[in-house]
């Protein structure tokens, strides 16, 4: 893969409705308000998924939704396989599930692993 092609590997080639908004991403990953509060360091009482969603929560969930789409593309658009991948412990990630990495505030590390894998690199 050329370096020019690699710069486009940060966004899925297809739009997946499952990841189109913050609420869908939360439902796909089965995240609670408590999970979001801890992961993003925001007060639980402020978390909502309507027009008054805290901006930092919306931005982060959009980033996570993009990564969910990249994982779905790896599985040829199979959303069920992508969901399974996020929920199962992964030895390459330190025997923790990708979902739990998100829950524990390690999304940036997970994102780096996924991006490296897409590009054929090691993180």
N, C-alpha and C. Protein backbone atom coordinates (compact mmCIF):
# COMPACT_ATOMS: atom_id res chain seq x y z
N UNK A 1 0.84 -1.18 0.00
CA UNK A 1 0.00 0.00 0.00
C UNK A 1 0.88 1.24 0.00
N UNK A 2 0.53 2.20 -0.81
CA UNK A 2 1.32 3.42 -0.88
C UNK A 2 0.99 4.33 0.31
N UNK A 3 1.91 5.22 0.61
CA UNK A 3 1.67 6.16 1.70
C UNK A 3 0.46 7.04 1.44
N UNK A 4 0.22 7.38 0.17
CA UNK A 4 -0.95 8.21 -0.13
C UNK A 4 -2.24 7.47 0.17
N UNK A 5 -2.30 6.19 -0.10
CA UNK A 5 -3.50 5.42 0.20
C UNK A 5 -3.71 5.30 1.71
N UNK A 6 -2.63 5.25 2.47
CA UNK A 6 -2.72 5.09 3.92
C UNK A 6 -3.40 6.28 4.60
N UNK A 7 -3.27 7.46 4.04
CA UNK A 7 -3.87 8.61 4.70
C UNK A 7 -5.40 8.54 4.68
N UNK A 8 -5.96 7.71 3.82
CA UNK A 8 -7.41 7.57 3.75
C UNK A 8 -7.93 6.40 4.58
N UNK A 9 -7.06 5.68 5.24
CA UNK A 9 -7.46 4.53 6.05
C UNK A 9 -8.03 4.93 7.41
N UNK A 10 -8.23 6.21 7.63
CA UNK A 10 -8.75 6.66 8.91
C UNK A 10 -10.28 6.76 8.94
N UNK A 11 -10.89 6.57 7.78
CA UNK A 11 -12.35 6.67 7.67
C UNK A 11 -12.86 5.46 6.88
N UNK A 12 -13.95 4.86 7.34
CA UNK A 12 -14.49 3.72 6.60
C UNK A 12 -14.94 4.12 5.19
N UNK A 13 -14.87 3.19 4.29
CA UNK A 13 -15.29 3.45 2.90
C UNK A 13 -16.81 3.53 2.78
N UNK A 14 -17.53 2.91 3.71
CA UNK A 14 -18.99 2.87 3.69
C UNK A 14 -19.56 3.55 4.92
N UNK A 15 -20.79 4.03 4.79
CA UNK A 15 -21.51 4.58 5.93
C UNK A 15 -22.33 3.47 6.56
N UNK A 16 -22.17 3.29 7.84
CA UNK A 16 -22.91 2.28 8.58
C UNK A 16 -23.89 2.99 9.51
N UNK A 17 -25.17 2.73 9.35
CA UNK A 17 -26.17 3.39 10.18
C UNK A 17 -25.97 3.06 11.66
N UNK A 18 -25.40 1.90 11.94
CA UNK A 18 -25.17 1.50 13.34
C UNK A 18 -24.22 2.45 14.06
N UNK A 19 -23.45 3.23 13.31
CA UNK A 19 -22.46 4.12 13.91
C UNK A 19 -22.70 5.57 13.51
N UNK A 20 -23.92 5.89 13.07
CA UNK A 20 -24.20 7.20 12.49
C UNK A 20 -24.38 8.31 13.52
N UNK A 21 -24.62 7.94 14.77
CA UNK A 21 -24.75 8.97 15.81
C UNK A 21 -24.34 8.40 17.16
N UNK A 22 -24.21 9.28 18.12
CA UNK A 22 -23.71 8.88 19.44
C UNK A 22 -24.56 7.80 20.08
N UNK A 23 -25.86 7.93 20.01
CA UNK A 23 -26.75 6.95 20.64
C UNK A 23 -26.58 5.57 20.01
N UNK A 24 -26.46 5.52 18.71
CA UNK A 24 -26.26 4.23 18.03
C UNK A 24 -24.95 3.58 18.44
N UNK A 25 -23.90 4.37 18.59
CA UNK A 25 -22.60 3.83 19.00
C UNK A 25 -22.69 3.27 20.41
N UNK A 26 -23.34 4.00 21.29
CA UNK A 26 -23.51 3.55 22.68
C UNK A 26 -24.29 2.24 22.71
N UNK A 27 -25.34 2.14 21.90
CA UNK A 27 -26.13 0.91 21.86
C UNK A 27 -25.34 -0.24 21.25
N UNK A 28 -24.58 0.03 20.19
CA UNK A 28 -23.78 -1.01 19.55
C UNK A 28 -22.77 -1.60 20.52
N UNK A 29 -22.12 -0.76 21.30
CA UNK A 29 -21.10 -1.21 22.24
C UNK A 29 -21.66 -1.56 23.61
N UNK A 30 -22.97 -1.35 23.80
CA UNK A 30 -23.64 -1.64 25.07
C UNK A 30 -22.95 -0.91 26.22
N UNK A 31 -22.82 0.40 26.05
CA UNK A 31 -22.19 1.24 27.06
C UNK A 31 -23.26 1.92 27.91
N UNK A 32 -23.05 1.94 29.20
CA UNK A 32 -23.97 2.62 30.10
C UNK A 32 -23.53 4.08 30.29
N UNK A 33 -24.40 4.87 30.88
CA UNK A 33 -24.01 6.26 31.19
C UNK A 33 -22.84 6.27 32.16
N UNK A 34 -22.81 5.30 33.05
CA UNK A 34 -21.69 5.18 33.98
C UNK A 34 -20.38 4.91 33.22
N UNK A 35 -20.44 4.01 32.21
CA UNK A 35 -19.27 3.73 31.38
C UNK A 35 -18.77 4.99 30.69
N UNK A 36 -19.71 5.74 30.10
CA UNK A 36 -19.36 6.97 29.38
C UNK A 36 -18.75 7.99 30.35
N UNK A 37 -19.35 8.13 31.52
CA UNK A 37 -18.86 9.06 32.52
C UNK A 37 -17.42 8.77 32.90
N UNK A 38 -17.12 7.51 33.17
CA UNK A 38 -15.76 7.13 33.56
C UNK A 38 -14.78 7.24 32.40
N UNK A 39 -15.19 6.78 31.24
CA UNK A 39 -14.29 6.76 30.08
C UNK A 39 -13.92 8.17 29.61
N UNK A 40 -14.86 9.09 29.67
CA UNK A 40 -14.64 10.42 29.12
C UNK A 40 -14.46 11.49 30.20
N UNK A 41 -14.51 11.04 31.46
CA UNK A 41 -14.32 11.94 32.60
C UNK A 41 -15.30 13.11 32.57
N UNK A 42 -16.58 12.78 32.41
CA UNK A 42 -17.64 13.78 32.45
C UNK A 42 -18.67 13.35 33.49
N UNK A 43 -19.37 14.29 34.09
CA UNK A 43 -20.37 13.92 35.08
C UNK A 43 -21.49 13.08 34.47
N UNK A 44 -21.84 12.03 35.17
CA UNK A 44 -22.89 11.12 34.68
C UNK A 44 -24.19 11.87 34.42
N UNK A 45 -24.52 12.82 35.27
CA UNK A 45 -25.77 13.57 35.14
C UNK A 45 -25.82 14.40 33.85
N UNK A 46 -24.67 14.71 33.27
CA UNK A 46 -24.66 15.54 32.06
C UNK A 46 -24.79 14.73 30.77
N UNK A 47 -24.74 13.41 30.89
CA UNK A 47 -24.73 12.57 29.69
C UNK A 47 -26.14 12.39 29.15
N UNK A 48 -26.28 12.74 27.89
CA UNK A 48 -27.54 12.56 27.16
C UNK A 48 -27.20 12.44 25.69
N UNK A 49 -28.13 11.94 24.91
CA UNK A 49 -27.84 11.65 23.51
C UNK A 49 -28.79 12.39 22.57
N UNK A 50 -29.24 13.54 22.99
CA UNK A 50 -30.11 14.36 22.15
C UNK A 50 -29.35 15.62 21.73
N UNK A 51 -30.05 16.64 21.38
CA UNK A 51 -29.42 17.86 20.89
C UNK A 51 -28.54 18.54 21.95
N UNK A 52 -28.76 18.21 23.22
CA UNK A 52 -27.99 18.80 24.30
C UNK A 52 -26.85 17.91 24.79
N UNK A 53 -26.45 16.97 23.95
CA UNK A 53 -25.33 16.10 24.31
C UNK A 53 -24.09 16.96 24.55
N UNK A 54 -23.34 16.69 25.61
CA UNK A 54 -22.09 17.45 25.80
C UNK A 54 -21.18 17.30 24.58
N UNK A 55 -20.65 18.40 24.12
CA UNK A 55 -19.87 18.41 22.89
C UNK A 55 -18.71 17.41 22.93
N UNK A 56 -17.99 17.34 24.06
CA UNK A 56 -16.84 16.43 24.15
C UNK A 56 -17.28 14.97 24.06
N UNK A 57 -18.47 14.66 24.57
CA UNK A 57 -19.01 13.30 24.49
C UNK A 57 -19.39 12.98 23.04
N UNK A 58 -20.04 13.93 22.40
CA UNK A 58 -20.44 13.74 21.00
C UNK A 58 -19.22 13.53 20.10
N UNK A 59 -18.20 14.34 20.27
CA UNK A 59 -17.00 14.22 19.44
C UNK A 59 -16.34 12.86 19.66
N UNK A 60 -16.19 12.47 20.91
CA UNK A 60 -15.52 11.20 21.22
C UNK A 60 -16.32 10.02 20.70
N UNK A 61 -17.65 10.05 20.86
CA UNK A 61 -18.47 8.94 20.36
C UNK A 61 -18.48 8.89 18.83
N UNK A 62 -18.37 10.04 18.19
CA UNK A 62 -18.23 10.04 16.72
C UNK A 62 -16.92 9.40 16.32
N UNK A 63 -15.84 9.70 17.03
CA UNK A 63 -14.54 9.06 16.75
C UNK A 63 -14.62 7.55 16.94
N UNK A 64 -15.27 7.14 18.01
CA UNK A 64 -15.43 5.71 18.28
C UNK A 64 -16.29 5.07 17.19
N UNK A 65 -17.33 5.77 16.75
CA UNK A 65 -18.18 5.25 15.67
C UNK A 65 -17.39 5.04 14.38
N UNK A 66 -16.47 5.94 14.08
CA UNK A 66 -15.63 5.79 12.89
C UNK A 66 -14.78 4.53 13.02
N UNK A 67 -14.21 4.31 14.18
CA UNK A 67 -13.38 3.12 14.40
C UNK A 67 -14.24 1.86 14.32
N UNK A 68 -15.46 1.92 14.84
CA UNK A 68 -16.38 0.77 14.72
C UNK A 68 -16.62 0.45 13.24
N UNK A 69 -16.76 1.49 12.42
CA UNK A 69 -16.93 1.29 10.99
C UNK A 69 -15.71 0.66 10.34
N UNK A 70 -14.53 1.07 10.77
CA UNK A 70 -13.30 0.47 10.23
C UNK A 70 -13.22 -1.01 10.59
N UNK A 71 -13.62 -1.36 11.80
CA UNK A 71 -13.62 -2.76 12.21
C UNK A 71 -14.67 -3.54 11.41
N UNK A 72 -15.83 -2.95 11.21
CA UNK A 72 -16.87 -3.61 10.41
C UNK A 72 -16.36 -3.88 8.99
N UNK A 73 -15.64 -2.93 8.42
CA UNK A 73 -15.09 -3.14 7.08
C UNK A 73 -14.09 -4.28 7.05
N UNK A 74 -13.31 -4.43 8.11
CA UNK A 74 -12.38 -5.54 8.17
C UNK A 74 -13.14 -6.86 8.06
N UNK A 75 -14.33 -6.90 8.65
CA UNK A 75 -15.17 -8.09 8.60
C UNK A 75 -16.17 -8.03 7.45
N UNK A 76 -15.78 -7.37 6.37
CA UNK A 76 -16.59 -7.27 5.15
C UNK A 76 -18.00 -6.75 5.40
N UNK A 77 -18.12 -5.81 6.32
CA UNK A 77 -19.41 -5.19 6.61
C UNK A 77 -20.30 -5.99 7.53
N UNK A 78 -19.80 -7.08 8.07
CA UNK A 78 -20.59 -7.93 8.97
C UNK A 78 -20.63 -7.29 10.36
N UNK A 79 -21.74 -6.64 10.65
CA UNK A 79 -21.88 -5.89 11.90
C UNK A 79 -21.86 -6.84 13.11
N UNK A 80 -22.43 -8.02 12.97
CA UNK A 80 -22.44 -8.98 14.09
C UNK A 80 -21.02 -9.43 14.43
N UNK A 81 -20.19 -9.67 13.42
CA UNK A 81 -18.80 -10.04 13.69
C UNK A 81 -18.05 -8.88 14.33
N UNK A 82 -18.30 -7.68 13.86
CA UNK A 82 -17.65 -6.51 14.45
C UNK A 82 -18.05 -6.37 15.92
N UNK A 83 -19.33 -6.55 16.22
CA UNK A 83 -19.80 -6.46 17.60
C UNK A 83 -19.13 -7.53 18.45
N UNK A 84 -19.03 -8.73 17.91
CA UNK A 84 -18.38 -9.81 18.64
C UNK A 84 -16.92 -9.45 18.93
N UNK A 85 -16.24 -8.90 17.94
CA UNK A 85 -14.83 -8.53 18.11
C UNK A 85 -14.68 -7.51 19.25
N UNK A 86 -15.56 -6.55 19.32
CA UNK A 86 -15.48 -5.54 20.37
C UNK A 86 -15.74 -6.11 21.76
N UNK A 87 -16.52 -7.18 21.84
CA UNK A 87 -16.92 -7.72 23.14
C UNK A 87 -16.06 -8.86 23.67
N UNK A 88 -15.21 -9.44 22.84
CA UNK A 88 -14.42 -10.60 23.26
C UNK A 88 -13.01 -10.16 23.66
N UNK A 89 -12.50 -10.76 24.74
CA UNK A 89 -11.13 -10.47 25.15
C UNK A 89 -10.17 -10.80 24.02
N UNK A 90 -9.18 -9.94 23.85
CA UNK A 90 -8.24 -10.08 22.74
C UNK A 90 -6.82 -10.17 23.31
N UNK A 91 -6.18 -11.27 23.05
CA UNK A 91 -4.82 -11.49 23.56
C UNK A 91 -3.86 -10.40 23.09
N UNK A 92 -4.00 -9.96 21.84
CA UNK A 92 -3.10 -8.94 21.29
C UNK A 92 -3.27 -7.59 21.98
N UNK A 93 -4.40 -7.41 22.68
CA UNK A 93 -4.65 -6.15 23.39
C UNK A 93 -4.42 -6.28 24.89
N UNK A 94 -3.74 -7.33 25.29
CA UNK A 94 -3.48 -7.53 26.72
C UNK A 94 -4.58 -8.31 27.40
N UNK A 95 -5.26 -9.15 26.65
CA UNK A 95 -6.34 -10.01 27.15
C UNK A 95 -7.50 -9.20 27.73
N UNK A 96 -7.80 -8.10 27.07
CA UNK A 96 -8.94 -7.25 27.41
C UNK A 96 -9.77 -7.06 26.15
N UNK A 97 -11.05 -6.88 26.30
CA UNK A 97 -11.88 -6.66 25.11
C UNK A 97 -11.73 -5.22 24.64
N UNK A 98 -11.87 -4.99 23.35
CA UNK A 98 -11.83 -3.62 22.84
C UNK A 98 -12.89 -2.73 23.51
N UNK A 99 -14.07 -3.29 23.76
CA UNK A 99 -15.13 -2.54 24.45
C UNK A 99 -14.64 -2.09 25.83
N UNK A 100 -13.99 -2.98 26.56
CA UNK A 100 -13.49 -2.61 27.88
C UNK A 100 -12.38 -1.58 27.79
N UNK A 101 -11.58 -1.63 26.75
CA UNK A 101 -10.57 -0.58 26.58
C UNK A 101 -11.25 0.78 26.49
N UNK A 102 -12.35 0.83 25.74
CA UNK A 102 -13.10 2.09 25.62
C UNK A 102 -13.67 2.48 26.98
N UNK A 103 -14.28 1.53 27.67
CA UNK A 103 -14.88 1.78 28.98
C UNK A 103 -13.86 2.28 30.00
N UNK A 104 -12.63 1.81 29.89
CA UNK A 104 -11.59 2.18 30.86
C UNK A 104 -10.76 3.38 30.40
N UNK A 105 -11.24 4.08 29.38
CA UNK A 105 -10.56 5.30 28.93
C UNK A 105 -9.33 5.07 28.09
N UNK A 106 -9.22 3.91 27.45
CA UNK A 106 -8.05 3.58 26.63
C UNK A 106 -8.38 3.57 25.14
N UNK A 107 -9.32 4.41 24.73
CA UNK A 107 -9.70 4.43 23.32
C UNK A 107 -8.53 4.82 22.42
N UNK A 108 -7.73 5.78 22.82
CA UNK A 108 -6.61 6.21 21.97
C UNK A 108 -5.65 5.05 21.70
N UNK A 109 -5.39 4.25 22.71
CA UNK A 109 -4.53 3.08 22.55
C UNK A 109 -5.18 2.07 21.60
N UNK A 110 -6.47 1.83 21.78
CA UNK A 110 -7.20 0.92 20.89
C UNK A 110 -7.18 1.43 19.46
N UNK A 111 -7.41 2.71 19.29
CA UNK A 111 -7.40 3.32 17.97
C UNK A 111 -6.05 3.13 17.29
N UNK A 112 -4.98 3.29 18.06
CA UNK A 112 -3.63 3.10 17.51
C UNK A 112 -3.42 1.66 17.05
N UNK A 113 -3.89 0.69 17.84
CA UNK A 113 -3.78 -0.72 17.46
C UNK A 113 -4.54 -0.99 16.16
N UNK A 114 -5.77 -0.49 16.08
CA UNK A 114 -6.61 -0.75 14.90
C UNK A 114 -6.01 -0.09 13.67
N UNK A 115 -5.57 1.15 13.79
CA UNK A 115 -4.97 1.86 12.67
C UNK A 115 -3.71 1.14 12.19
N UNK A 116 -2.89 0.70 13.13
CA UNK A 116 -1.67 -0.03 12.77
C UNK A 116 -2.01 -1.32 12.04
N UNK A 117 -3.03 -2.03 12.53
CA UNK A 117 -3.41 -3.29 11.89
C UNK A 117 -3.92 -3.05 10.46
N UNK A 118 -4.71 -2.01 10.28
CA UNK A 118 -5.23 -1.68 8.95
C UNK A 118 -4.07 -1.36 7.99
N UNK A 119 -3.07 -0.68 8.51
CA UNK A 119 -1.94 -0.27 7.67
C UNK A 119 -0.84 -1.33 7.58
N UNK A 120 -1.04 -2.45 8.26
CA UNK A 120 -0.05 -3.53 8.21
C UNK A 120 1.18 -3.25 9.06
N UNK A 121 1.02 -2.36 10.02
CA UNK A 121 2.13 -2.00 10.92
C UNK A 121 1.93 -2.68 12.27
N UNK A 122 2.89 -2.51 13.15
CA UNK A 122 2.72 -2.89 14.54
C UNK A 122 2.69 -1.64 15.37
N UNK A 123 1.78 -1.59 16.34
CA UNK A 123 1.65 -0.36 17.15
C UNK A 123 2.84 -0.15 18.06
